[in-house]
């Protein structure tokens, strides 16, 4: 695992990122973002017969599960655990060029009561949309998966770009940059595949 130099007692003696830092917030919020992508990918693999969609879903699930594990490990190394002490997306609040609101295509802190709900995170599919995916099968399941994964990736790319620019730890910036590059490439594939299959399923 990358990043074993944090903490006053660690090999490098550097201070670990604080709970309110870009590094810590990104590592927590992107874990939640990735978990839903893995869930959607698992659902479509159980319901669709389209081998191209199933292969893409498997790649997304494996990649994002591995990345989520890496971010989980970082927070443990930093002594922060996995509990939420900051509002959802608070780490992007005030980052120039990134924090322009929660649901208008730009990612920013969620103005929710308390610490906010993870479901308020930009790009996340709603409970109703997840239910629609779970209830679908065949070509409909494939199309719903693709149409939900597109905004999910759009938000993920913006989150990753922000962390790649603003995080303090080189390991965090490197992973975030890799995420942005990978998901940008997948967005082209997702859009092309959805168009080839007739576009979005109405009402989802």
Foldseek 3Di string as FASTA:
>chain_A
DPDQQEDCPTPVNHHADDCLALLNLLLQLLLLLLVLLLVLLVLQLVFEPPVVLNVVSVVSNVVSVVSNVVSQVSCVSNVNHNDDPAARQQNAAPQPPAAPDAEPLGHHGDPDPDRYDSCSHWLHDDPVLVVQLNPHHYLLNSLSSLVSVLRSLSSLLSSLVSQLPGPDDPVSNVVSVVSNVVSVVVNVVSVVVNVVSPHHDPPD
